[in-house]
Amino acid sequence: MPTHAHHAFGAEFDPNRPILLTGPIVRVEWVNPHTWIHIEVTADDGSKAIWMVEGGTPNTLLRRGLRRDYVQPGTVVVVDGYQSKDRTTRANARDLTFEDGRKFFMGSSGTGAPYDNDRR
């Protein structure tokens, strides 16, 4: 008998650890069940780290107006989201904002991720 499973936001990400990341995209995984956008973030001390940022499914993002060709390597973005529970350079994106002001909701629906009105 086949089984199907999927994780919830709370299994991997911490709703009490909001994070704001800014940097150029270095890699995109436009795959199911989640897209991953990798961005290079420069810390206050000048060190750089690649952050893996999880988003919704490609189909969900397309329905919201976010196309694959918008997230090309070199494009600078701001990610508003939540850090992973293991404190690695991994996050769940709530919003993705481009330098020209375009803003897209990146989250998956029905995962238990917080909807934080104060951060909008």
PDB file of N, CA and C in Angstrom:
ATOM      1  N   MET A   1       0.840  -1.160   0.000  1.00  0.00           N
ATOM      2  CA  MET A   1       0.000   0.000   0.000  1.00  0.00           C
ATOM      3  C   MET A   1       0.896   1.237   0.000  1.00  0.00           C
ATOM      4  N   PRO A   2       0.817   2.089  -1.021  1.00  0.00           N
ATOM      5  CA  PRO A   2       1.643   3.298  -1.052  1.00  0.00           C
ATOM      6  C   PRO A   2       1.215   4.281   0.038  1.00  0.00           C
ATOM      7  N   THR A   3       2.187   5.000   0.531  1.00  0.00           N
ATOM      8  CA  THR A   3       1.908   6.054   1.505  1.00  0.00           C
ATOM      9  C   THR A   3       2.496   7.356   1.007  1.00  0.00           C
ATOM     10  N   HIS A   4       1.927   8.437   1.453  1.00  0.00           N
ATOM     11  CA  HIS A   4       2.405   9.759   1.084  1.00  0.00           C
ATOM     12  C   HIS A   4       2.603  10.557   2.358  1.00  0.00           C
ATOM     13  N   ALA A   5       3.696  11.284   2.422  1.00  0.00           N
ATOM     14  CA  ALA A   5       3.962  12.092   3.610  1.00  0.00           C
ATOM     15  C   ALA A   5       4.563  13.427   3.193  1.00  0.00           C
ATOM     16  N   HIS A   6       4.368  14.402   4.044  1.00  0.00           N
ATOM     17  CA  HIS A   6       4.938  15.714   3.799  1.00  0.00           C
ATOM     18  C   HIS A   6       5.183  16.369   5.140  1.00  0.00           C
ATOM     19  N   HIS A   7       6.292  17.098   5.258  1.00  0.00           N
ATOM     20  CA  HIS A   7       6.595  17.745   6.533  1.00  0.00           C
ATOM     21  C   HIS A   7       5.791  19.034   6.691  1.00  0.00           C
ATOM     22  N   ALA A   8       5.662  19.444   7.915  1.00  0.00           N
ATOM     23  CA  ALA A   8       5.027  20.721   8.221  1.00  0.00           C
ATOM     24  C   ALA A   8       6.112  21.739   8.524  1.00  0.00           C
ATOM     25  N   PHE A   9       5.757  23.005   8.428  1.00  0.00           N
ATOM     26  CA  PHE A   9       6.694  24.089   8.713  1.00  0.00           C
ATOM     27  C   PHE A   9       7.382  23.869  10.058  1.00  0.00           C
ATOM     28  N   GLY A  10       6.597  23.553  11.098  1.00  0.00           N
ATOM     29  CA  GLY A  10       7.114  23.428  12.455  1.00  0.00           C
ATOM     30  C   GLY A  10       8.112  22.309  12.654  1.00  0.00           C
ATOM     31  N   ALA A  11       8.177  21.362  11.738  1.00  0.00           N
ATOM     32  CA  ALA A  11       9.147  20.276  11.861  1.00  0.00           C
ATOM     33  C   ALA A  11      10.562  20.746  11.563  1.00  0.00           C
ATOM     34  N   GLU A  12      10.704  21.762  10.726  1.00  0.00           N
ATOM     35  CA  GLU A  12      12.032  22.198  10.299  1.00  0.00           C
ATOM     36  C   GLU A  12      12.377  23.646  10.618  1.00  0.00           C
ATOM     37  N   PHE A  13      11.372  24.505  10.726  1.00  0.00           N
ATOM     38  CA  PHE A  13      11.640  25.934  10.858  1.00  0.00           C
ATOM     39  C   PHE A  13      11.069  26.484  12.159  1.00  0.00           C
ATOM     40  N   ASP A  14      11.691  27.545  12.651  1.00  0.00           N
ATOM     41  CA  ASP A  14      11.352  28.098  13.955  1.00  0.00           C
ATOM     42  C   ASP A  14      10.547  29.389  13.802  1.00  0.00           C
ATOM     43  N   PRO A  15       9.269  29.389  14.186  1.00  0.00           N
ATOM     44  CA  PRO A  15       8.451  30.595  14.044  1.00  0.00           C
ATOM     45  C   PRO A  15       8.914  31.733  14.955  1.00  0.00           C
ATOM     46  N   ASN A  16       9.767  31.427  15.910  1.00  0.00           N
ATOM     47  CA  ASN A  16      10.301  32.443  16.826  1.00  0.00           C
ATOM     48  C   ASN A  16      11.651  32.991  16.374  1.00  0.00           C
ATOM     49  N   ARG A  17      12.105  32.582  15.189  1.00  0.00           N
ATOM     50  CA  ARG A  17      13.382  33.049  14.649  1.00  0.00           C
ATOM     51  C   ARG A  17      13.178  33.710  13.289  1.00  0.00           C
ATOM     52  N   PRO A  18      12.450  34.844  13.244  1.00  0.00           N
ATOM     53  CA  PRO A  18      12.304  35.536  11.964  1.00  0.00           C
ATOM     54  C   PRO A  18      13.668  36.009  11.479  1.00  0.00           C
ATOM     55  N   ILE A  19      13.813  36.033  10.173  1.00  0.00           N
ATOM     56  CA  ILE A  19      15.106  36.389   9.596  1.00  0.00           C
ATOM     57  C   ILE A  19      14.880  37.218   8.335  1.00  0.00           C
ATOM     58  N   LEU A  20      15.770  38.158   8.092  1.00  0.00           N
ATOM     59  CA  LEU A  20      15.729  38.986   6.891  1.00  0.00           C
ATOM     60  C   LEU A  20      17.071  38.824   6.203  1.00  0.00           C
ATOM     61  N   LEU A  21      17.055  38.315   4.982  1.00  0.00           N
ATOM     62  CA  LEU A  21      18.277  38.034   4.230  1.00  0.00           C
ATOM     63  C   LEU A  21      18.280  38.847   2.947  1.00  0.00           C
ATOM     64  N   THR A  22      19.440  39.400   2.597  1.00  0.00           N
ATOM     65  CA  THR A  22      19.582  40.162   1.357  1.00  0.00           C
ATOM     66  C   THR A  22      20.828  39.690   0.636  1.00  0.00           C
ATOM     67  N   GLY A  23      20.716  39.496  -0.666  1.00  0.00           N
ATOM     68  CA  GLY A  23      21.884  39.123  -1.443  1.00  0.00           C
ATOM     69  C   GLY A  23      21.508  38.654  -2.828  1.00  0.00           C
ATOM     70  N   PRO A  24      22.535  38.412  -3.649  1.00  0.00           N
ATOM     71  CA  PRO A  24      22.286  37.924  -5.002  1.00  0.00           C
ATOM     72  C   PRO A  24      21.971  36.427  -5.007  1.00  0.00           C
ATOM     73  N   ILE A  25      21.107  36.043  -5.908  1.00  0.00           N
ATOM     74  CA  ILE A  25      20.811  34.630  -6.117  1.00  0.00           C
ATOM     75  C   ILE A  25      22.029  33.980  -6.757  1.00  0.00           C
ATOM     76  N   VAL A  26      22.417  32.810  -6.254  1.00  0.00           N
ATOM     77  CA  VAL A  26      23.539  32.077  -6.846  1.00  0.00           C
ATOM     78  C   VAL A  26      23.090  30.769  -7.496  1.00  0.00           C
ATOM     79  N   ARG A  27      21.916  30.276  -7.100  1.00  0.00           N
ATOM     80  CA  ARG A  27      21.425  29.009  -7.653  1.00  0.00           C
ATOM     81  C   ARG A  27      19.930  28.908  -7.368  1.00  0.00           C
ATOM     82  N   VAL A  28      19.210  28.259  -8.275  1.00  0.00           N
ATOM     83  CA  VAL A  28      17.774  28.052  -8.093  1.00  0.00           C
ATOM     84  C   VAL A  28      17.451  26.591  -8.381  1.00  0.00           C
ATOM     85  N   GLU A  29      16.665  25.983  -7.493  1.00  0.00           N
ATOM     86  CA  GLU A  29      16.139  24.639  -7.716  1.00  0.00           C
ATOM     87  C   GLU A  29      14.626  24.790  -7.851  1.00  0.00           C
ATOM     88  N   TRP A  30      14.148  24.793  -9.073  1.00  0.00           N
ATOM     89  CA  TRP A  30      12.729  24.994  -9.380  1.00  0.00           C
ATOM     90  C   TRP A  30      12.105  23.603  -9.505  1.00  0.00           C
ATOM     91  N   VAL A  31      11.940  22.933  -8.354  1.00  0.00           N
ATOM     92  CA  VAL A  31      11.534  21.531  -8.320  1.00  0.00           C
ATOM     93  C   VAL A  31      10.415  21.329  -7.300  1.00  0.00           C
ATOM     94  N   ASN A  32       9.692  20.224  -7.451  1.00  0.00           N
ATOM     95  CA  ASN A  32       8.711  19.808  -6.450  1.00  0.00           C
ATOM     96  C   ASN A  32       9.397  18.954  -5.395  1.00  0.00           C
ATOM     97  N   PRO A  33       8.959  18.958  -4.156  1.00  0.00           N
ATOM     98  CA  PRO A  33       7.755  19.622  -3.685  1.00  0.00           C
ATOM     99  C   PRO A  33       7.989  21.062  -3.239  1.00  0.00           C
ATOM    100  N   HIS A  34       9.245  21.523  -3.231  1.00  0.00           N
ATOM    101  CA  HIS A  34       9.538  22.902  -2.827  1.00  0.00           C
ATOM    102  C   HIS A  34      10.608  23.482  -3.725  1.00  0.00           C
ATOM    103  N   THR A  35      10.473  24.752  -4.037  1.00  0.00           N
ATOM    104  CA  THR A  35      11.559  25.455  -4.708  1.00  0.00           C
ATOM    105  C   THR A  35      12.609  25.809  -3.656  1.00  0.00           C
ATOM    106  N   TRP A  36      13.842  25.923  -4.105  1.00  0.00           N
ATOM    107  CA  TRP A  36      14.940  26.373  -3.242  1.00  0.00           C
ATOM    108  C   TRP A  36      15.690  27.467  -3.983  1.00  0.00           C
ATOM    109  N   ILE A  37      15.840  28.605  -3.327  1.00  0.00           N
ATOM    110  CA  ILE A  37      16.617  29.709  -3.881  1.00  0.00           C
ATOM    111  C   ILE A  37      17.822  29.886  -2.975  1.00  0.00           C
ATOM    112  N   HIS A  38      18.998  29.796  -3.552  1.00  0.00           N
ATOM    113  CA  HIS A  38      20.239  29.927  -2.798  1.00  0.00           C
ATOM    114  C   HIS A  38      20.755  31.349  -3.001  1.00  0.00           C
ATOM    115  N   ILE A  39      20.983  32.068  -1.909  1.00  0.00           N
ATOM    116  CA  ILE A  39      21.475  33.439  -2.022  1.00  0.00           C
ATOM    117  C   ILE A  39      22.738  33.618  -1.194  1.00  0.00           C
ATOM    118  N   GLU A  40      23.605  34.489  -1.683  1.00  0.00           N
ATOM    119  CA  GLU A  40      24.846  34.803  -0.968  1.00  0.00           C
ATOM    120  C   GLU A  40      24.585  36.007  -0.069  1.00  0.00           C
ATOM    121  N   VAL A  41      24.733  35.787   1.219  1.00  0.00           N
ATOM    122  CA  VAL A  41      24.454  36.827   2.207  1.00  0.00           C
ATOM    123  C   VAL A  41      25.762  37.261   2.848  1.00  0.00           C
ATOM    124  N   THR A  42      25.985  38.569   2.918  1.00  0.00           N
ATOM    125  CA  THR A  42      27.177  39.117   3.561  1.00  0.00           C
ATOM    126  C   THR A  42      26.813  39.545   4.979  1.00  0.00           C
ATOM    127  N   ALA A  43      27.519  38.994   5.956  1.00  0.00           N
ATOM    128  CA  ALA A  43      27.283  39.322   7.368  1.00  0.00           C
ATOM    129  C   ALA A  43      27.902  40.673   7.705  1.00  0.00           C
ATOM    130  N   ASP A  44      27.563  41.189   8.878  1.00  0.00           N
ATOM    131  CA  ASP A  44      28.094  42.482   9.328  1.00  0.00           C
ATOM    132  C   ASP A  44      29.616  42.496   9.376  1.00  0.00           C
ATOM    133  N   ASP A  45      30.227  41.335   9.648  1.00  0.00           N
ATOM    134  CA  ASP A  45      31.690  41.266   9.732  1.00  0.00           C
ATOM    135  C   ASP A  45      32.357  41.083   8.366  1.00  0.00           C
ATOM    136  N   GLY A  46      31.561  41.064   7.297  1.00  0.00           N
ATOM    137  CA  GLY A  46      32.096  40.930   5.945  1.00  0.00           C
ATOM    138  C   GLY A  46      32.165  39.500   5.441  1.00  0.00           C
ATOM    139  N   SER A  47      31.949  38.532   6.305  1.00  0.00           N
ATOM    140  CA  SER A  47      31.970  37.136   5.867  1.00  0.00           C
ATOM    141  C   SER A  47      30.732  36.851   5.020  1.00  0.00           C
ATOM    142  N   LYS A  48      30.871  35.886   4.128  1.00  0.00           N
ATOM    143  CA  LYS A  48      29.774  35.543   3.227  1.00  0.00           C
ATOM    144  C   LYS A  48      29.340  34.103   3.473  1.00  0.00           C
ATOM    145  N   ALA A  49      28.059  33.866   3.303  1.00  0.00           N
ATOM    146  CA  ALA A  49      27.508  32.521   3.446  1.00  0.00           C
ATOM    147  C   ALA A  49      26.400  32.331   2.418  1.00  0.00           C
ATOM    148  N   ILE A  50      26.271  31.110   1.942  1.00  0.00           N
ATOM    149  CA  ILE A  50      25.185  30.772   1.031  1.00  0.00           C
ATOM    150  C   ILE A  50      24.021  30.239   1.860  1.00  0.00           C
ATOM    151  N   TRP A  51      22.875  30.883   1.732  1.00  0.00           N
ATOM    152  CA  TRP A  51      21.663  30.477   2.423  1.00  0.00           C
ATOM    153  C   TRP A  51      20.749  29.741   1.451  1.00  0.00           C
ATOM    154  N   MET A  52      20.218  28.596   1.880  1.00  0.00           N
ATOM    155  CA  MET A  52      19.206  27.845   1.132  1.00  0.00           C
ATOM    156  C   MET A  52      17.848  28.302   1.637  1.00  0.00           C
ATOM    157  N   VAL A  53      17.027  28.815   0.739  1.00  0.00           N
ATOM    158  CA  VAL A  53      15.736  29.373   1.134  1.00  0.00           C
ATOM    159  C   VAL A  53      14.619  28.573   0.462  1.00  0.00           C
ATOM    160  N   GLU A  54      13.762  27.985   1.285  1.00  0.00           N
ATOM    161  CA  GLU A  54      12.672  27.148   0.789  1.00  0.00           C
ATOM    162  C   GLU A  54      11.442  27.980   0.466  1.00  0.00           C
ATOM    163  N   GLY A  55      10.827  27.651  -0.667  1.00  0.00           N
ATOM    164  CA  GLY A  55       9.572  28.280  -1.051  1.00  0.00           C
ATOM    165  C   GLY A  55       8.533  27.233  -1.387  1.00  0.00           C
ATOM    166  N   GLY A  56       7.395  27.676  -1.850  1.00  0.00           N
ATOM    167  CA  GLY A  56       6.322  26.766  -2.237  1.00  0.00           C
ATOM    168  C   GLY A  56       6.653  26.007  -3.511  1.00  0.00           C
ATOM    169  N   THR A  57       5.701  25.244  -3.992  1.00  0.00           N
ATOM    170  CA  THR A  57       5.903  24.479  -5.218  1.00  0.00           C
ATOM    171  C   THR A  57       6.008  25.421  -6.415  1.00  0.00           C
ATOM    172  N   PRO A  58       6.677  24.993  -7.479  1.00  0.00           N
ATOM    173  CA  PRO A  58       6.747  25.842  -8.670  1.00  0.00           C
ATOM    174  C   PRO A  58       5.362  26.253  -9.182  1.00  0.00           C
ATOM    175  N   ASN A  59       4.420  25.328  -9.202  1.00  0.00           N
ATOM    176  CA  ASN A  59       3.078  25.633  -9.694  1.00  0.00           C
ATOM    177  C   ASN A  59       2.398  26.700  -8.838  1.00  0.00           C
ATOM    178  N   THR A  60       2.540  26.586  -7.522  1.00  0.00           N
ATOM    179  CA  THR A  60       1.951  27.578  -6.619  1.00  0.00           C
ATOM    180  C   THR A  60       2.563  28.953  -6.859  1.00  0.00           C
ATOM    181  N   LEU A  61       3.879  29.000  -7.002  1.00  0.00           N
ATOM    182  CA  LEU A  61       4.558  30.280  -7.226  1.00  0.00           C
ATOM    183  C   LEU A  61       4.158  30.889  -8.566  1.00  0.00           C
ATOM    184  N   LEU A  62       4.025  30.053  -9.585  1.00  0.00           N
ATOM    185  CA  LEU A  62       3.582  30.549 -10.897  1.00  0.00           C
ATOM    186  C   LEU A  62       2.189  31.160 -10.809  1.00  0.00           C
ATOM    187  N   ARG A  63       1.296  30.512 -10.075  1.00  0.00           N
ATOM    188  CA  ARG A  63      -0.064  31.053  -9.917  1.00  0.00           C
ATOM    189  C   ARG A  63      -0.048  32.390  -9.189  1.00  0.00           C
ATOM    190  N   ARG A  64       0.969  32.630  -8.372  1.00  0.00           N
ATOM    191  CA  ARG A  64       1.096  33.908  -7.661  1.00  0.00           C
ATOM    192  C   ARG A  64       1.830  34.955  -8.496  1.00  0.00           C
ATOM    193  N   GLY A  65       2.279  34.566  -9.686  1.00  0.00           N
ATOM    194  CA  GLY A  65       2.934  35.515 -10.575  1.00  0.00           C
ATOM    195  C   GLY A  65       4.444  35.458 -10.587  1.00  0.00           C
ATOM    196  N   LEU A  66       5.034  34.586  -9.773  1.00  0.00           N
ATOM    197  CA  LEU A  66       6.495  34.473  -9.736  1.00  0.00           C
ATOM    198  C   LEU A  66       6.938  33.441 -10.761  1.00  0.00           C
ATOM    199  N   ARG A  67       7.635  33.902 -11.781  1.00  0.00           N
ATOM    200  CA  ARG A  67       8.104  33.020 -12.847  1.00  0.00           C
ATOM    201  C   ARG A  67       9.561  32.647 -12.629  1.00  0.00           C
ATOM    202  N   ARG A  68       9.931  31.512 -13.155  1.00  0.00           N
ATOM    203  CA  ARG A  68      11.302  30.991 -13.038  1.00  0.00           C
ATOM    204  C   ARG A  68      12.320  31.993 -13.567  1.00  0.00           C
ATOM    205  N   ASP A  69      12.000  32.690 -14.645  1.00  0.00           N
ATOM    206  CA  ASP A  69      12.964  33.620 -15.231  1.00  0.00           C
ATOM    207  C   ASP A  69      13.180  34.865 -14.372  1.00  0.00           C
ATOM    208  N   TYR A  70      12.362  35.085 -13.348  1.00  0.00           N
ATOM    209  CA  TYR A  70      12.582  36.213 -12.431  1.00  0.00           C
ATOM    210  C   TYR A  70      13.716  35.936 -11.451  1.00  0.00           C
ATOM    211  N   VAL A  71      13.984  34.671 -11.173  1.00  0.00           N
ATOM    212  CA  VAL A  71      14.942  34.303 -10.121  1.00  0.00           C
ATOM    213  C   VAL A  71      16.234  33.750 -10.731  1.00  0.00           C
ATOM    214  N   GLN A  72      16.862  34.569 -11.548  1.00  0.00           N
ATOM    215  CA  GLN A  72      18.106  34.188 -12.211  1.00  0.00           C
ATOM    216  C   GLN A  72      19.313  34.490 -11.322  1.00  0.00           C
ATOM    217  N   PRO A  73      20.371  33.677 -11.429  1.00  0.00           N
ATOM    218  CA  PRO A  73      21.602  33.984 -10.689  1.00  0.00           C
ATOM    219  C   PRO A  73      22.060  35.414 -10.963  1.00  0.00           C
ATOM    220  N   GLY A  74      22.477  36.079  -9.896  1.00  0.00           N
ATOM    221  CA  GLY A  74      22.915  37.466  -9.975  1.00  0.00           C
ATOM    222  C   GLY A  74      21.840  38.460  -9.566  1.00  0.00           C
ATOM    223  N   THR A  75      20.577  38.043  -9.588  1.00  0.00           N
ATOM    224  CA  THR A  75      19.476  38.915  -9.191  1.00  0.00           C
ATOM    225  C   THR A  75      19.504  39.113  -7.680  1.00  0.00           C
ATOM    226  N   VAL A  76      19.512  40.365  -7.237  1.00  0.00           N
ATOM    227  CA  VAL A  76      19.529  40.657  -5.798  1.00  0.00           C
ATOM    228  C   VAL A  76      18.096  40.630  -5.272  1.00  0.00           C
ATOM    229  N   VAL A  77      17.911  39.900  -4.165  1.00  0.00           N
ATOM    230  CA  VAL A  77      16.592  39.767  -3.554  1.00  0.00           C
ATOM    231  C   VAL A  77      16.683  39.965  -2.045  1.00  0.00           C
ATOM    232  N   VAL A  78      15.537  40.239  -1.456  1.00  0.00           N
ATOM    233  CA  VAL A  78      15.399  40.285   0.004  1.00  0.00           C
ATOM    234  C   VAL A  78      14.414  39.188   0.382  1.00  0.00           C
ATOM    235  N   VAL A  79      14.811  38.345   1.315  1.00  0.00           N
ATOM    236  CA  VAL A  79      13.963  37.260   1.797  1.00  0.00           C
ATOM    237  C   VAL A  79      13.547  37.565   3.225  1.00  0.00           C
ATOM    238  N   ASP A  80      12.258  37.558   3.453  1.00  0.00           N
ATOM    239  CA  ASP A  80      11.680  37.716   4.784  1.00  0.00           C
ATOM    240  C   ASP A  80      11.122  36.347   5.149  1.00  0.00           C
ATOM    241  N   GLY A  81      11.693  35.716   6.179  1.00  0.00           N
ATOM    242  CA  GLY A  81      11.251  34.369   6.498  1.00  0.00           C
ATOM    243  C   GLY A  81      11.645  33.935   7.889  1.00  0.00           C
ATOM    244  N   TYR A  82      11.877  32.631   8.023  1.00  0.00           N
ATOM    245  CA  TYR A  82      12.169  32.035   9.326  1.00  0.00           C
ATOM    246  C   TYR A  82      13.326  31.056   9.212  1.00  0.00           C
ATOM    247  N   GLN A  83      14.236  31.108  10.179  1.00  0.00           N
ATOM    248  CA  GLN A  83      15.428  30.267  10.163  1.00  0.00           C
ATOM    249  C   GLN A  83      15.085  28.823  10.530  1.00  0.00           C
ATOM    250  N   SER A  84      15.927  27.919  10.069  1.00  0.00           N
ATOM    251  CA  SER A  84      15.754  26.511  10.401  1.00  0.00           C
ATOM    252  C   SER A  84      16.001  26.280  11.886  1.00  0.00           C
ATOM    253  N   LYS A  85      15.380  25.247  12.420  1.00  0.00           N
ATOM    254  CA  LYS A  85      15.548  24.921  13.839  1.00  0.00           C
ATOM    255  C   LYS A  85      16.977  24.523  14.165  1.00  0.00           C
ATOM    256  N   ASP A  86      17.687  23.942  13.195  1.00  0.00           N
ATOM    257  CA  ASP A  86      19.062  23.511  13.462  1.00  0.00           C
ATOM    258  C   ASP A  86      20.079  24.644  13.328  1.00  0.00           C
ATOM    259  N   ARG A  87      19.616  25.859  13.071  1.00  0.00           N
ATOM    260  CA  ARG A  87      20.431  27.084  13.004  1.00  0.00           C
ATOM    261  C   ARG A  87      21.474  27.070  11.883  1.00  0.00           C
ATOM    262  N   THR A  88      21.272  26.205  10.894  1.00  0.00           N
ATOM    263  CA  THR A  88      22.158  26.241   9.737  1.00  0.00           C
ATOM    264  C   THR A  88      21.727  27.398   8.837  1.00  0.00           C
ATOM    265  N   THR A  89      22.417  27.578   7.730  1.00  0.00           N
ATOM    266  CA  THR A  89      22.084  28.651   6.790  1.00  0.00           C
ATOM    267  C   THR A  89      20.966  28.178   5.855  1.00  0.00           C
ATOM    268  N   ARG A  90      19.845  27.881   6.473  1.00  0.00           N
ATOM    269  CA  ARG A  90      18.655  27.418   5.771  1.00  0.00           C
ATOM    270  C   ARG A  90      17.458  28.147   6.347  1.00  0.00           C
ATOM    271  N   ALA A  91      16.533  28.558   5.474  1.00  0.00           N
ATOM    272  CA  ALA A  91      15.371  29.322   5.931  1.00  0.00           C
ATOM    273  C   ALA A  91      14.148  28.972   5.100  1.00  0.00           C
ATOM    274  N   ASN A  92      12.988  29.264   5.655  1.00  0.00           N
ATOM    275  CA  ASN A  92      11.729  29.161   4.946  1.00  0.00           C
ATOM    276  C   ASN A  92      11.308  30.578   4.593  1.00  0.00           C
ATOM    277  N   ALA A  93      11.078  30.829   3.315  1.00  0.00           N
ATOM    278  CA  ALA A  93      10.731  32.182   2.872  1.00  0.00           C
ATOM    279  C   ALA A  93       9.255  32.459   3.087  1.00  0.00           C
ATOM    280  N   ARG A  94       8.953  33.623   3.598  1.00  0.00           N
ATOM    281  CA  ARG A  94       7.582  34.122   3.650  1.00  0.00           C
ATOM    282  C   ARG A  94       7.375  34.999   2.410  1.00  0.00           C
ATOM    283  N   ASP A  95       8.249  35.996   2.240  1.00  0.00           N
ATOM    284  CA  ASP A  95       8.163  36.909   1.099  1.00  0.00           C
ATOM    285  C   ASP A  95       9.510  37.015   0.405  1.00  0.00           C
ATOM    286  N   LEU A  96       9.460  37.217  -0.894  1.00  0.00           N
ATOM    287  CA  LEU A  96      10.642  37.465  -1.712  1.00  0.00           C
ATOM    288  C   LEU A  96      10.422  38.810  -2.390  1.00  0.00           C
ATOM    289  N   THR A  97      11.351  39.758  -2.165  1.00  0.00           N
ATOM    290  CA  THR A  97      11.217  41.104  -2.726  1.00  0.00           C
ATOM    291  C   THR A  97      12.400  41.394  -3.637  1.00  0.00           C
ATOM    292  N   PHE A  98      12.099  41.948  -4.805  1.00  0.00           N
ATOM    293  CA  PHE A  98      13.128  42.315  -5.774  1.00  0.00           C
ATOM    294  C   PHE A  98      13.483  43.785  -5.617  1.00  0.00           C
ATOM    295  N   GLU A  99      14.630  44.173  -6.166  1.00  0.00           N
ATOM    296  CA  GLU A  99      15.097  45.559  -6.050  1.00  0.00           C
ATOM    297  C   GLU A  99      14.116  46.562  -6.651  1.00  0.00           C
ATOM    298  N   ASP A 100      13.340  46.135  -7.647  1.00  0.00           N
ATOM    299  CA  ASP A 100      12.375  47.052  -8.273  1.00  0.00           C
ATOM    300  C   ASP A 100      11.065  47.161  -7.486  1.00  0.00           C
ATOM    301  N   GLY A 101      10.994  46.481  -6.332  1.00  0.00           N
ATOM    302  CA  GLY A 101       9.824  46.571  -5.474  1.00  0.00           C
ATOM    303  C   GLY A 101       8.817  45.439  -5.620  1.00  0.00           C
ATOM    304  N   ARG A 102       8.960  44.607  -6.649  1.00  0.00           N
ATOM    305  CA  ARG A 102       8.040  43.474  -6.785  1.00  0.00           C
ATOM    306  C   ARG A 102       8.194  42.567  -5.566  1.00  0.00           C
ATOM    307  N   LYS A 103       7.063  42.110  -5.037  1.00  0.00           N
ATOM    308  CA  LYS A 103       7.084  41.283  -3.833  1.00  0.00           C
ATOM    309  C   LYS A 103       6.153  40.095  -4.041  1.00  0.00           C
ATOM    310  N   PHE A 104       6.641  38.906  -3.698  1.00  0.00           N
ATOM    311  CA  PHE A 104       5.868  37.684  -3.883  1.00  0.00           C
ATOM    312  C   PHE A 104       5.824  36.887  -2.593  1.00  0.00           C
ATOM    313  N   PHE A 105       4.640  36.361  -2.281  1.00  0.00           N
ATOM    314  CA  PHE A 105       4.494  35.452  -1.153  1.00  0.00           C
ATOM    315  C   PHE A 105       5.055  34.107  -1.583  1.00  0.00           C
ATOM    316  N   MET A 106       6.045  33.606  -0.854  1.00  0.00           N
ATOM    317  CA  MET A 106       6.744  32.376  -1.220  1.00  0.00           C
ATOM    318  C   MET A 106       6.266  31.156  -0.453  1.00  0.00           C
ATOM    319  N   GLY A 107       5.518  31.362   0.621  1.00  0.00           N
ATOM    320  CA  GLY A 107       5.165  30.258   1.505  1.00  0.00           C
ATOM    321  C   GLY A 107       4.222  29.253   0.884  1.00  0.00           C
ATOM    322  N   SER A 108       4.236  28.089   1.472  1.00  0.00           N
ATOM    323  CA  SER A 108       3.279  27.057   1.111  1.00  0.00           C
ATOM    324  C   SER A 108       2.057  27.212   2.000  1.00  0.00           C
ATOM    325  N   SER A 109       0.915  26.911   1.492  1.00  0.00           N
ATOM    326  CA  SER A 109      -0.287  27.015   2.314  1.00  0.00           C
ATOM    327  C   SER A 109      -0.514  25.706   3.064  1.00  0.00           C
ATOM    328  N   GLY A 110      -1.108  25.812   4.238  1.00  0.00           N
ATOM    329  CA  GLY A 110      -1.456  24.631   5.009  1.00  0.00           C
ATOM    330  C   GLY A 110      -0.294  23.935   5.679  1.00  0.00           C
ATOM    331  N   THR A 111       0.812  24.632   5.904  1.00  0.00           N
ATOM    332  CA  THR A 111       1.985  23.999   6.508  1.00  0.00           C
ATOM    333  C   THR A 111       2.145  24.343   7.972  1.00  0.00           C
ATOM    334  N   GLY A 112       1.362  25.274   8.471  1.00  0.00           N
ATOM    335  CA  GLY A 112       1.504  25.695   9.853  1.00  0.00           C
ATOM    336  C   GLY A 112       2.458  26.855  10.034  1.00  0.00           C
ATOM    337  N   ALA A 113       2.965  27.431   8.944  1.00  0.00           N
ATOM    338  CA  ALA A 113       3.873  28.578   9.045  1.00  0.00           C
ATOM    339  C   ALA A 113       3.116  29.782   9.590  1.00  0.00           C
ATOM    340  N   PRO A 114       3.763  30.586  10.409  1.00  0.00           N
ATOM    341  CA  PRO A 114       3.074  31.743  10.982  1.00  0.00           C
ATOM    342  C   PRO A 114       2.789  32.815   9.938  1.00  0.00           C
ATOM    343  N   TYR A 115       1.736  33.534  10.166  1.00  0.00           N
ATOM    344  CA  TYR A 115       1.418  34.687   9.338  1.00  0.00           C
ATOM    345  C   TYR A 115       1.602  35.898  10.230  1.00  0.00           C
ATOM    346  N   ASP A 116       2.725  36.560  10.067  1.00  0.00           N
ATOM    347  CA  ASP A 116       3.142  37.599  11.002  1.00  0.00           C
ATOM    348  C   ASP A 116       2.835  38.969  10.420  1.00  0.00           C
ATOM    349  N   ASN A 117       1.665  39.522  10.729  1.00  0.00           N
ATOM    350  CA  ASN A 117       1.250  40.809  10.165  1.00  0.00           C
ATOM    351  C   ASN A 117       2.185  41.951  10.527  1.00  0.00           C
ATOM    352  N   ASP A 118       2.842  41.877  11.660  1.00  0.00           N
ATOM    353  CA  ASP A 118       3.736  42.958  12.082  1.00  0.00           C
ATOM    354  C   ASP A 118       4.957  43.087  11.182  1.00  0.00           C
ATOM    355  N   ARG A 119       5.288  42.055  10.440  1.00  0.00           N
ATOM    356  CA  ARG A 119       6.491  42.073   9.617  1.00  0.00           C
ATOM    357  C   ARG A 119       6.192  42.512   8.200  1.00  0.00           C
ATOM    358  N   ARG A 120       4.961  42.732   7.856  1.00  0.00           N
ATOM    359  CA  ARG A 120       4.619  43.109   6.476  1.00  0.00           C
ATOM    360  C   ARG A 120       4.745  44.586   6.282  1.00  0.00           C
TER     361      ARG A 120
END
